[in-house]
N, C-alpha and C. Protein backbone atom coordinates (compact mmCIF):
# COMPACT_ATOMS: atom_id res chain seq x y z
N MET A 1 -6.12 2.23 -25.22
CA MET A 1 -6.42 1.61 -23.94
C MET A 1 -6.88 0.18 -24.22
N SER A 2 -6.32 -0.78 -23.48
CA SER A 2 -6.69 -2.18 -23.66
C SER A 2 -8.08 -2.42 -23.08
N ALA A 3 -8.69 -3.55 -23.45
CA ALA A 3 -10.03 -3.90 -22.94
C ALA A 3 -10.03 -4.01 -21.41
N PRO A 4 -9.03 -4.68 -20.78
CA PRO A 4 -9.03 -4.73 -19.31
C PRO A 4 -8.89 -3.34 -18.67
N GLN A 5 -8.06 -2.47 -19.27
CA GLN A 5 -7.91 -1.12 -18.74
C GLN A 5 -9.21 -0.34 -18.88
N ALA A 6 -9.89 -0.49 -20.00
CA ALA A 6 -11.16 0.19 -20.21
C ALA A 6 -12.20 -0.29 -19.21
N GLN A 7 -12.24 -1.60 -18.95
CA GLN A 7 -13.19 -2.14 -17.98
C GLN A 7 -12.89 -1.64 -16.58
N ALA A 8 -11.61 -1.59 -16.21
CA ALA A 8 -11.23 -1.09 -14.88
C ALA A 8 -11.63 0.36 -14.73
N ALA A 9 -11.44 1.17 -15.77
CA ALA A 9 -11.84 2.58 -15.71
C ALA A 9 -13.35 2.71 -15.57
N ALA A 10 -14.09 1.86 -16.26
CA ALA A 10 -15.56 1.90 -16.18
C ALA A 10 -16.06 1.49 -14.81
N ASP A 11 -15.33 0.63 -14.11
CA ASP A 11 -15.73 0.14 -12.79
C ASP A 11 -15.29 1.06 -11.65
N ALA A 12 -14.65 2.18 -11.98
CA ALA A 12 -14.12 3.07 -10.95
C ALA A 12 -15.10 4.18 -10.60
N ALA A 13 -15.12 4.53 -9.32
CA ALA A 13 -15.90 5.68 -8.88
C ALA A 13 -15.27 6.93 -9.49
N PRO A 14 -16.07 7.95 -9.82
CA PRO A 14 -15.49 9.17 -10.40
C PRO A 14 -14.59 9.89 -9.39
N GLN A 15 -13.53 10.51 -9.89
CA GLN A 15 -12.61 11.24 -9.02
C GLN A 15 -13.27 12.53 -8.56
N ARG A 16 -13.21 12.78 -7.26
CA ARG A 16 -13.79 14.00 -6.69
C ARG A 16 -12.76 15.11 -6.52
N PHE A 17 -11.47 14.76 -6.49
CA PHE A 17 -10.45 15.75 -6.15
C PHE A 17 -9.34 15.77 -7.19
N ARG A 18 -8.63 16.88 -7.21
CA ARG A 18 -7.48 17.08 -8.10
C ARG A 18 -6.28 17.51 -7.26
N PRO A 19 -5.07 17.35 -7.80
CA PRO A 19 -3.90 17.85 -7.08
C PRO A 19 -4.07 19.33 -6.74
N GLY A 20 -3.72 19.66 -5.52
CA GLY A 20 -3.85 21.03 -5.03
C GLY A 20 -5.12 21.29 -4.25
N ASP A 21 -6.10 20.39 -4.34
CA ASP A 21 -7.36 20.57 -3.61
C ASP A 21 -7.16 20.37 -2.11
N PRO A 22 -7.73 21.27 -1.30
CA PRO A 22 -7.71 21.04 0.14
C PRO A 22 -8.77 20.01 0.52
N VAL A 23 -8.39 19.05 1.33
CA VAL A 23 -9.31 17.98 1.75
C VAL A 23 -9.20 17.77 3.26
N ARG A 24 -10.19 17.11 3.80
CA ARG A 24 -10.18 16.72 5.21
C ARG A 24 -10.47 15.22 5.25
N VAL A 25 -9.77 14.52 6.11
CA VAL A 25 -9.99 13.09 6.30
C VAL A 25 -11.19 12.94 7.24
N ARG A 26 -12.14 12.10 6.85
CA ARG A 26 -13.31 11.86 7.70
C ARG A 26 -12.86 11.34 9.07
N PHE A 27 -13.56 11.78 10.10
CA PHE A 27 -13.25 11.31 11.45
C PHE A 27 -14.27 10.24 11.83
N ALA A 28 -14.20 9.13 11.12
CA ALA A 28 -15.13 8.03 11.34
C ALA A 28 -14.47 6.97 12.23
N ARG A 29 -15.31 6.25 12.93
CA ARG A 29 -14.83 5.17 13.81
C ARG A 29 -15.52 3.86 13.44
N PRO A 30 -15.44 3.46 12.18
CA PRO A 30 -16.13 2.23 11.81
C PRO A 30 -15.42 1.00 12.37
N PRO A 31 -16.19 -0.02 12.70
CA PRO A 31 -15.55 -1.27 13.13
C PRO A 31 -14.96 -2.00 11.93
N GLY A 32 -14.07 -2.90 12.17
CA GLY A 32 -13.55 -3.74 11.10
C GLY A 32 -12.23 -3.27 10.55
N HIS A 33 -11.92 -3.77 9.38
CA HIS A 33 -10.65 -3.50 8.71
C HIS A 33 -10.68 -2.10 8.10
N VAL A 34 -9.79 -1.24 8.53
CA VAL A 34 -9.73 0.14 8.05
C VAL A 34 -8.30 0.45 7.63
N ARG A 35 -8.15 1.10 6.47
CA ARG A 35 -6.84 1.40 5.93
C ARG A 35 -6.40 2.85 6.15
N THR A 36 -7.17 3.63 6.90
CA THR A 36 -6.84 5.04 7.12
C THR A 36 -6.29 5.21 8.53
N PRO A 37 -5.07 5.73 8.65
CA PRO A 37 -4.47 5.86 9.99
C PRO A 37 -5.31 6.75 10.91
N TRP A 38 -5.38 6.36 12.15
CA TRP A 38 -6.16 7.10 13.14
C TRP A 38 -5.66 8.53 13.28
N TYR A 39 -4.32 8.73 13.27
CA TYR A 39 -3.74 10.05 13.56
C TYR A 39 -4.07 11.11 12.52
N CYS A 40 -4.55 10.72 11.32
CA CYS A 40 -4.87 11.74 10.32
C CYS A 40 -6.37 11.99 10.20
N ARG A 41 -7.20 11.24 10.91
CA ARG A 41 -8.64 11.42 10.82
C ARG A 41 -9.04 12.77 11.40
N GLY A 42 -9.89 13.48 10.67
CA GLY A 42 -10.33 14.80 11.08
C GLY A 42 -9.37 15.91 10.71
N ARG A 43 -8.24 15.57 10.13
CA ARG A 43 -7.20 16.56 9.82
C ARG A 43 -7.28 16.98 8.35
N ALA A 44 -6.87 18.21 8.10
CA ALA A 44 -6.89 18.77 6.74
C ALA A 44 -5.51 18.65 6.11
N GLY A 45 -5.52 18.43 4.80
CA GLY A 45 -4.29 18.36 4.02
C GLY A 45 -4.57 18.81 2.60
N ILE A 46 -3.60 18.62 1.74
CA ILE A 46 -3.69 19.02 0.33
C ILE A 46 -3.42 17.79 -0.53
N VAL A 47 -4.27 17.57 -1.54
CA VAL A 47 -4.03 16.47 -2.47
C VAL A 47 -2.74 16.76 -3.23
N GLU A 48 -1.80 15.85 -3.12
CA GLU A 48 -0.51 15.98 -3.81
C GLU A 48 -0.57 15.33 -5.19
N ARG A 49 -1.25 14.18 -5.28
CA ARG A 49 -1.39 13.49 -6.57
C ARG A 49 -2.49 12.45 -6.50
N ILE A 50 -2.91 12.01 -7.68
CA ILE A 50 -3.86 10.91 -7.81
C ILE A 50 -3.04 9.69 -8.18
N CYS A 51 -3.16 8.63 -7.40
CA CYS A 51 -2.34 7.44 -7.62
C CYS A 51 -3.00 6.43 -8.55
N GLY A 52 -4.28 6.58 -8.82
CA GLY A 52 -5.02 5.63 -9.66
C GLY A 52 -6.26 5.17 -8.93
N ALA A 53 -6.97 4.23 -9.52
CA ALA A 53 -8.17 3.66 -8.90
C ALA A 53 -7.92 2.18 -8.65
N PHE A 54 -8.25 1.73 -7.44
CA PHE A 54 -7.97 0.37 -7.02
C PHE A 54 -9.17 -0.21 -6.30
N ARG A 55 -9.22 -1.53 -6.28
CA ARG A 55 -10.29 -2.18 -5.51
C ARG A 55 -10.14 -1.80 -4.04
N ASN A 56 -11.26 -1.58 -3.39
CA ASN A 56 -11.29 -1.12 -2.02
C ASN A 56 -10.76 -2.21 -1.08
N PRO A 57 -9.58 -2.01 -0.46
CA PRO A 57 -9.00 -3.04 0.40
C PRO A 57 -9.82 -3.30 1.65
N GLU A 58 -10.62 -2.33 2.09
CA GLU A 58 -11.46 -2.55 3.27
C GLU A 58 -12.55 -3.57 2.95
N GLU A 59 -13.01 -3.60 1.71
CA GLU A 59 -13.99 -4.59 1.28
C GLU A 59 -13.31 -5.92 0.95
N LEU A 60 -12.16 -5.86 0.32
CA LEU A 60 -11.42 -7.08 -0.03
C LEU A 60 -11.08 -7.90 1.22
N ALA A 61 -10.85 -7.23 2.35
CA ALA A 61 -10.51 -7.93 3.59
C ALA A 61 -11.63 -8.87 4.02
N TYR A 62 -12.85 -8.61 3.56
CA TYR A 62 -14.00 -9.45 3.91
C TYR A 62 -14.45 -10.32 2.73
N ASN A 63 -13.52 -10.53 1.80
CA ASN A 63 -13.77 -11.39 0.63
C ASN A 63 -14.92 -10.87 -0.24
N ARG A 64 -15.08 -9.56 -0.28
CA ARG A 64 -16.04 -8.93 -1.18
C ARG A 64 -15.26 -8.44 -2.40
N PRO A 65 -15.95 -8.10 -3.49
CA PRO A 65 -15.24 -7.74 -4.72
C PRO A 65 -14.47 -6.43 -4.67
N GLY A 66 -14.77 -5.52 -3.73
CA GLY A 66 -14.02 -4.26 -3.64
C GLY A 66 -14.37 -3.26 -4.72
N THR A 67 -15.55 -3.39 -5.27
CA THR A 67 -15.96 -2.47 -6.33
C THR A 67 -17.09 -1.57 -5.84
N PRO A 68 -17.23 -0.40 -6.43
CA PRO A 68 -16.41 0.12 -7.52
C PRO A 68 -15.00 0.44 -7.02
N ARG A 69 -14.08 0.42 -7.96
CA ARG A 69 -12.71 0.79 -7.62
C ARG A 69 -12.71 2.22 -7.08
N GLN A 70 -11.89 2.46 -6.09
CA GLN A 70 -11.84 3.77 -5.44
C GLN A 70 -10.57 4.51 -5.84
N PRO A 71 -10.69 5.79 -6.20
CA PRO A 71 -9.48 6.58 -6.43
C PRO A 71 -8.66 6.66 -5.14
N LEU A 72 -7.36 6.55 -5.31
CA LEU A 72 -6.42 6.64 -4.20
C LEU A 72 -5.62 7.92 -4.39
N TYR A 73 -5.57 8.73 -3.36
CA TYR A 73 -4.88 10.02 -3.41
C TYR A 73 -3.71 10.03 -2.45
N ARG A 74 -2.66 10.73 -2.82
CA ARG A 74 -1.58 11.00 -1.89
C ARG A 74 -1.85 12.40 -1.33
N VAL A 75 -2.04 12.48 -0.02
CA VAL A 75 -2.40 13.73 0.63
C VAL A 75 -1.23 14.18 1.51
N ARG A 76 -0.88 15.45 1.38
CA ARG A 76 0.24 16.02 2.15
C ARG A 76 -0.31 16.78 3.36
N PHE A 77 0.25 16.47 4.53
CA PHE A 77 -0.13 17.12 5.78
C PHE A 77 1.10 17.77 6.39
N ARG A 78 0.90 18.90 7.04
CA ARG A 78 1.98 19.46 7.85
C ARG A 78 2.05 18.61 9.13
N GLN A 79 3.25 18.24 9.52
CA GLN A 79 3.37 17.38 10.68
C GLN A 79 2.81 18.04 11.94
N ARG A 80 2.94 19.35 12.05
CA ARG A 80 2.38 20.04 13.22
C ARG A 80 0.86 19.97 13.24
N ASP A 81 0.23 19.81 12.08
CA ASP A 81 -1.23 19.67 12.05
C ASP A 81 -1.67 18.30 12.55
N LEU A 82 -0.80 17.30 12.42
CA LEU A 82 -1.12 15.95 12.89
C LEU A 82 -0.72 15.75 14.35
N TRP A 83 0.40 16.32 14.72
CA TRP A 83 0.93 16.17 16.08
C TRP A 83 1.25 17.56 16.63
N PRO A 84 0.35 18.16 17.40
CA PRO A 84 0.55 19.53 17.88
C PRO A 84 1.86 19.74 18.66
N ASP A 85 2.39 18.69 19.28
CA ASP A 85 3.64 18.85 20.03
C ASP A 85 4.87 18.50 19.18
N TYR A 86 4.69 18.41 17.86
CA TYR A 86 5.81 18.12 16.97
C TYR A 86 6.89 19.19 17.13
N ALA A 87 8.13 18.78 17.38
CA ALA A 87 9.21 19.71 17.68
C ALA A 87 10.12 20.00 16.49
N GLY A 88 9.82 19.42 15.34
CA GLY A 88 10.66 19.64 14.17
C GLY A 88 10.36 20.96 13.48
N PRO A 89 11.04 21.21 12.36
CA PRO A 89 10.81 22.44 11.62
C PRO A 89 9.35 22.58 11.19
N PRO A 90 8.81 23.80 11.20
CA PRO A 90 7.39 24.02 10.87
C PRO A 90 7.03 23.59 9.44
N ALA A 91 7.99 23.55 8.55
CA ALA A 91 7.70 23.19 7.16
C ALA A 91 7.68 21.68 6.91
N ASP A 92 8.00 20.87 7.92
CA ASP A 92 8.02 19.42 7.74
C ASP A 92 6.63 18.89 7.38
N THR A 93 6.60 17.98 6.42
CA THR A 93 5.33 17.39 5.98
C THR A 93 5.43 15.87 5.96
N ILE A 94 4.28 15.26 5.85
CA ILE A 94 4.19 13.81 5.68
C ILE A 94 3.12 13.58 4.62
N GLU A 95 3.32 12.59 3.77
CA GLU A 95 2.35 12.25 2.74
C GLU A 95 1.76 10.87 3.04
N ILE A 96 0.43 10.79 2.96
CA ILE A 96 -0.29 9.56 3.27
C ILE A 96 -1.22 9.24 2.12
N GLU A 97 -1.24 8.00 1.69
CA GLU A 97 -2.16 7.59 0.62
C GLU A 97 -3.49 7.19 1.25
N ILE A 98 -4.56 7.86 0.78
CA ILE A 98 -5.88 7.70 1.37
C ILE A 98 -6.91 7.53 0.26
N TYR A 99 -7.80 6.56 0.44
CA TYR A 99 -8.85 6.32 -0.54
C TYR A 99 -9.92 7.40 -0.48
N GLN A 100 -10.53 7.64 -1.63
CA GLN A 100 -11.49 8.73 -1.79
C GLN A 100 -12.65 8.69 -0.78
N HIS A 101 -13.14 7.49 -0.45
CA HIS A 101 -14.30 7.44 0.45
C HIS A 101 -13.97 7.92 1.86
N TRP A 102 -12.71 8.17 2.15
CA TRP A 102 -12.30 8.73 3.44
C TRP A 102 -12.08 10.22 3.37
N LEU A 103 -12.22 10.82 2.20
CA LEU A 103 -11.92 12.24 2.03
C LEU A 103 -13.17 13.05 1.74
N GLU A 104 -13.15 14.31 2.17
CA GLU A 104 -14.20 15.26 1.86
C GLU A 104 -13.54 16.61 1.62
N PRO A 105 -14.22 17.52 0.92
CA PRO A 105 -13.63 18.85 0.77
C PRO A 105 -13.33 19.44 2.16
N ALA A 106 -12.27 20.19 2.28
CA ALA A 106 -11.82 20.67 3.59
C ALA A 106 -12.89 21.46 4.35
N GLY A 107 -13.84 22.06 3.67
CA GLY A 107 -14.88 22.81 4.36
C GLY A 107 -16.01 21.97 4.91
N GLU A 108 -16.13 20.71 4.50
CA GLU A 108 -17.23 19.85 4.95
C GLU A 108 -16.82 19.05 6.18
N THR A 109 -17.80 18.67 6.97
CA THR A 109 -17.59 17.74 8.08
C THR A 109 -18.82 16.86 8.22
N LYS A 110 -18.76 15.67 7.69
CA LYS A 110 -19.85 14.69 7.76
C LYS A 110 -19.35 13.45 8.47
N ASP A 111 -18.81 13.63 9.63
CA ASP A 111 -18.19 12.53 10.35
C ASP A 111 -19.22 11.53 10.83
N ALA A 112 -18.84 10.27 10.74
CA ALA A 112 -19.72 9.17 11.20
C ALA A 112 -19.04 8.46 12.35
N ALA A 113 -19.76 8.19 13.36
CA ALA A 113 -19.17 7.48 14.51
C ALA A 113 -19.34 6.00 14.35
């Protein structure tokens, strides 16, 4: 591992989830720049993969350093769970990349308004 890679790993928040873990997207309504789509907030899905750790774009939008780096996960949702009137096949899914600070274990609900 190179020195920059080692430093980036040291600056990253620890990963809370693994592929296959059930998660729920926080149903928060914070003001400002938000990178989590409204339609998936409060909904449960499954972690499909870990994409890496990146500077938090919600903080970068305000010219802050965006640290610690946040793990980014690809989460798979059933489309019917996001849109109850979805008329497609029941097995249809959508994958959304969501930063760790927006996720909680599927059994928890610590929503912030």
